[in-house]
Amino acid sequence: MVEEEQEAQKRPDRIGLATMIFAPMLALLFDLFSSFIPIVGSIFWIVFAIWFFILGISPLNLKRLATMLSSVVIELIPLVSILPSITVGVIAIIVMVKLEDKIGLKLPLKT
C-alpha cells in the first residue's frame, strides 16, 4: 500500500492544465460539428485517441475504450446525437486519468 502511494507521487501528471482546458473546448466544437454530420463524431475520437496516446495515456485501456465507444454509439443515434457525448467522454477520461495520477486510484471495472 505504501509502495503504491510512493509510486503515485513519483508519477508525473499526464494531463496538464492546457490539455484540461483545450481538450473539452475542442470536444465541444466537435460536438457542434457532429450534430450536423453524425458520422463525423466517430472520426473525431481518432483525434482524441492520438492526442491521449501522445500524452502517454493508452486509449486501449478497457475503461477509456468503453467511454470512447459509448460516445461513438450515441453520436450515431439520430436525435440523441445532439447530446454533447464527445465532450462528456473527454471530460470523463480526463477525470479518470487525473485520479489515477494524483492519488494512484485505479478505477475498478466492477462495483
Protein backbone atom coordinates (compact mmCIF):
# COMPACT_ATOMS: atom_id res chain seq x y z
CA MET A 1 0.00 0.00 0.00
CA VAL A 2 2.78 2.43 0.92
CA GLU A 3 4.71 1.49 -2.21
CA GLU A 4 1.68 2.29 -4.38
CA GLU A 5 1.36 5.73 -2.77
CA GLN A 6 5.06 6.44 -3.32
CA GLU A 7 4.79 5.29 -6.92
CA ALA A 8 1.79 7.58 -7.46
CA GLN A 9 3.73 10.52 -6.04
CA LYS A 10 6.70 9.86 -8.36
CA ARG A 11 4.49 9.63 -11.44
CA PRO A 12 4.17 12.93 -13.30
CA ASP A 13 0.79 14.26 -14.34
CA ARG A 14 -0.01 13.02 -17.81
CA ILE A 15 -2.62 15.70 -18.38
CA GLY A 16 -1.56 19.28 -17.83
CA LEU A 17 -3.63 22.40 -17.35
CA ALA A 18 -3.56 23.30 -21.06
CA THR A 19 -4.94 19.91 -22.03
CA MET A 20 -7.58 20.10 -19.30
CA ILE A 21 -8.77 23.39 -20.80
CA PHE A 22 -8.35 22.88 -24.54
CA ALA A 23 -9.43 19.23 -24.91
CA PRO A 24 -13.01 19.84 -23.64
CA MET A 25 -13.22 23.05 -25.69
CA LEU A 26 -12.17 21.18 -28.83
CA ALA A 27 -14.56 18.36 -27.95
CA LEU A 28 -17.41 20.86 -27.64
CA LEU A 29 -16.54 22.23 -31.07
CA PHE A 30 -16.50 18.68 -32.45
CA ASP A 31 -19.90 18.02 -30.82
CA LEU A 32 -21.37 21.07 -32.50
CA PHE A 33 -19.99 19.97 -35.86
CA SER A 34 -21.06 16.34 -35.44
CA SER A 35 -24.65 17.35 -34.67
CA PHE A 36 -24.90 18.32 -38.36
CA ILE A 37 -22.98 15.30 -39.71
CA PRO A 38 -23.34 12.48 -37.13
CA ILE A 39 -20.87 10.00 -38.64
CA VAL A 40 -18.06 12.52 -38.26
CA GLY A 41 -18.27 12.21 -34.46
CA SER A 42 -16.64 8.81 -34.57
CA ILE A 43 -13.78 10.19 -36.65
CA PHE A 44 -13.16 12.90 -34.06
CA TRP A 45 -12.45 10.24 -31.44
CA ILE A 46 -9.44 9.21 -33.51
CA VAL A 47 -8.04 12.71 -32.97
CA PHE A 48 -8.50 12.40 -29.21
CA ALA A 49 -7.11 8.85 -29.14
CA ILE A 50 -3.94 10.08 -30.85
CA TRP A 51 -3.76 13.11 -28.54
CA PHE A 52 -4.11 10.94 -25.43
CA PHE A 53 -1.57 8.44 -26.81
CA ILE A 54 0.96 11.25 -27.30
CA LEU A 55 0.38 12.23 -23.66
CA GLY A 56 1.17 8.67 -22.58
CA ILE A 57 -2.43 7.64 -21.99
CA SER A 58 -3.31 4.37 -23.65
CA PRO A 59 -6.67 4.54 -25.40
CA LEU A 60 -6.76 0.72 -25.27
CA ASN A 61 -7.49 0.69 -21.55
CA LEU A 62 -10.85 -1.01 -21.08
CA LYS A 63 -12.48 1.91 -19.22
CA ARG A 64 -11.27 4.53 -21.70
CA LEU A 65 -12.16 2.39 -24.69
CA ALA A 66 -15.67 1.82 -23.30
CA THR A 67 -16.05 5.58 -22.81
CA MET A 68 -14.98 6.29 -26.39
CA LEU A 69 -17.16 3.56 -27.91
CA SER A 70 -20.26 4.57 -25.96
CA SER A 71 -19.78 8.13 -27.17
CA VAL A 72 -19.48 6.92 -30.77
CA VAL A 73 -22.68 4.89 -30.44
CA ILE A 74 -24.52 7.92 -29.04
CA GLU A 75 -23.26 10.02 -31.96
CA LEU A 76 -24.73 7.52 -34.44
CA ILE A 77 -28.26 7.56 -32.99
CA PRO A 78 -30.48 10.19 -34.65
CA LEU A 79 -31.75 12.96 -32.35
CA VAL A 80 -29.70 11.56 -29.45
CA SER A 81 -26.57 12.68 -31.29
CA ILE A 82 -27.47 16.25 -30.31
CA LEU A 83 -26.17 15.47 -26.80
CA PRO A 84 -22.55 16.51 -26.20
CA SER A 85 -21.28 12.93 -25.91
CA ILE A 86 -17.77 13.66 -27.17
CA THR A 87 -17.35 16.43 -24.59
CA VAL A 88 -18.69 14.27 -21.77
CA GLY A 89 -16.44 11.39 -22.85
CA VAL A 90 -13.32 13.56 -23.00
CA ILE A 91 -14.06 15.06 -19.58
CA ALA A 92 -14.66 11.56 -18.16
CA ILE A 93 -11.32 10.34 -19.49
CA ILE A 94 -9.53 13.41 -18.11
CA VAL A 95 -11.07 12.82 -14.68
CA MET A 96 -10.12 9.12 -14.78
CA VAL A 97 -6.51 9.89 -15.68
CA LYS A 98 -6.20 12.69 -13.11
CA LEU A 99 -7.50 10.36 -10.39
CA GLU A 100 -5.01 7.70 -11.46
CA ASP A 101 -2.13 10.21 -11.45
CA LYS A 102 -2.94 12.17 -8.29
CA ILE A 103 -3.99 9.53 -5.81
CA GLY A 104 -2.93 6.36 -7.55
CA LEU A 105 -6.52 5.27 -7.77
CA LYS A 106 -7.24 2.61 -10.32
CA LEU A 107 -10.92 2.74 -11.09
CA PRO A 108 -12.43 -0.74 -10.80
CA LEU A 109 -14.28 -2.34 -13.66
CA LYS A 110 -16.90 -3.75 -11.28
CA THR A 111 -18.52 -2.15 -8.28
